[in-house]
Amino acid sequence: MRLLDILGQRWVLRILWELRAGPLSFRALQAACEAISPAVLNDRMKLLRGHDLVALQADGYALTARAQTLLPVILQMMDLANSWAAAGDWPQPDA
């Protein structure tokens, strides 16, 4: 549940997604995330670094080995969501 709490925070999945291709500086990551404020990005980076999902390296922020193992799971969730959307089968929340 802790992992889902972390991933469910606004911008976290986007940050992980943007770092998938390699390290980015803070400014480059902010530009890649478009509408994220510097304060929110800083908060999310502290969160992700604290949970060993992102590390600050000489060439910028990068995904850790732990986060790299998470990427295939994120891609599977994205594929599932896309297939539900294409089929019109998006599950409805319980009323």
Protein backbone atom coordinates (compact mmCIF):
# COMPACT_ATOMS: atom_id res chain seq x y z
CA MET A 1 0.00 0.00 0.00
CA ARG A 2 2.88 2.37 0.69
CA LEU A 3 4.05 2.12 -2.91
CA LEU A 4 0.57 2.95 -4.19
CA ASP A 5 0.43 5.92 -1.83
CA ILE A 6 3.70 7.20 -3.27
CA LEU A 7 2.77 6.57 -6.90
CA GLY A 8 -0.65 8.15 -6.38
CA GLN A 9 0.78 11.53 -5.45
CA ARG A 10 0.39 14.14 -8.16
CA TRP A 11 3.31 14.29 -10.60
CA VAL A 12 5.15 11.22 -9.26
CA LEU A 13 4.35 8.95 -12.21
CA ARG A 14 5.13 11.75 -14.66
CA ILE A 15 8.51 12.36 -13.04
CA LEU A 16 9.38 8.67 -13.19
CA TRP A 17 8.22 8.57 -16.81
CA GLU A 18 10.36 11.54 -17.81
CA LEU A 19 13.45 10.01 -16.18
CA ARG A 20 13.02 6.66 -17.95
CA ALA A 21 15.38 7.62 -20.80
CA GLY A 22 18.17 8.91 -18.58
CA PRO A 23 19.24 11.58 -16.11
CA LEU A 24 17.85 15.10 -16.25
CA SER A 25 18.82 18.25 -14.41
CA PHE A 26 16.21 19.86 -12.18
CA ARG A 27 15.45 22.50 -14.82
CA ALA A 28 15.25 19.96 -17.65
CA LEU A 29 12.94 17.78 -15.57
CA GLN A 30 10.75 20.77 -14.75
CA ALA A 31 10.56 21.65 -18.45
CA ALA A 32 9.71 18.05 -19.36
CA CYS A 33 6.89 18.04 -16.81
CA GLU A 34 5.61 21.35 -18.24
CA ALA A 35 3.17 22.71 -15.63
CA ILE A 36 4.89 21.55 -12.44
CA SER A 37 6.01 24.29 -10.07
CA PRO A 38 9.57 24.27 -8.73
CA ALA A 39 8.28 23.86 -5.16
CA VAL A 40 6.17 20.81 -6.04
CA LEU A 41 8.98 19.27 -8.08
CA ASN A 42 11.36 19.79 -5.19
CA ASP A 43 8.90 18.12 -2.79
CA ARG A 44 8.41 15.16 -5.13
CA MET A 45 12.13 14.74 -5.66
CA LYS A 46 12.66 14.65 -1.89
CA LEU A 47 9.94 12.00 -1.63
CA LEU A 48 11.36 9.90 -4.46
CA ARG A 49 14.92 10.21 -3.18
CA GLY A 50 13.77 9.27 0.32
CA HIS A 51 12.25 6.05 -1.03
CA ASP A 52 15.29 5.21 -3.18
CA LEU A 53 13.43 5.68 -6.47
CA VAL A 54 15.50 8.62 -7.72
CA ALA A 55 19.12 9.55 -7.06
CA LEU A 56 21.03 12.74 -7.73
CA GLN A 57 24.07 12.01 -9.87
CA ALA A 58 26.70 14.24 -11.44
CA ASP A 59 24.63 14.49 -14.64
CA GLY A 60 21.28 15.07 -12.94
CA TYR A 61 18.45 13.10 -11.39
CA ALA A 62 18.21 9.47 -12.44
CA LEU A 63 16.08 6.45 -11.68
CA THR A 64 17.58 4.01 -9.22
CA ALA A 65 17.70 0.26 -9.79
CA ARG A 66 14.56 0.01 -7.65
CA ALA A 67 12.70 2.43 -9.92
CA GLN A 68 13.96 0.62 -13.03
CA THR A 69 12.23 -2.54 -11.81
CA LEU A 70 9.03 -0.52 -11.45
CA LEU A 71 8.97 0.76 -15.05
CA PRO A 72 7.66 -2.48 -16.63
CA VAL A 73 4.81 -2.51 -14.11
CA ILE A 74 3.90 1.08 -14.98
CA LEU A 75 3.95 0.17 -18.68
CA GLN A 76 1.67 -2.81 -18.03
CA MET A 77 -0.79 -0.58 -16.17
CA MET A 78 -0.71 1.88 -19.07
CA ASP A 79 -1.37 -0.93 -21.58
CA LEU A 80 -4.26 -2.20 -19.48
CA ALA A 81 -5.80 1.26 -19.17
CA ASN A 82 -5.46 1.82 -22.93
CA SER A 83 -7.11 -1.51 -23.73
CA TRP A 84 -10.00 -0.77 -21.36
CA ALA A 85 -10.44 2.67 -22.89
CA ALA A 86 -10.35 1.31 -26.46
CA ALA A 87 -12.92 -1.37 -25.62
CA GLY A 88 -15.17 1.02 -23.74
CA ASP A 89 -14.78 -1.27 -20.72
CA TRP A 90 -13.42 1.26 -18.29
CA PRO A 91 -14.52 -0.03 -14.86
CA GLN A 92 -16.97 2.22 -13.06
CA PRO A 93 -16.42 2.97 -9.36
CA ASP A 94 -18.76 1.29 -6.96
CA ALA A 95 -21.68 3.54 -6.11
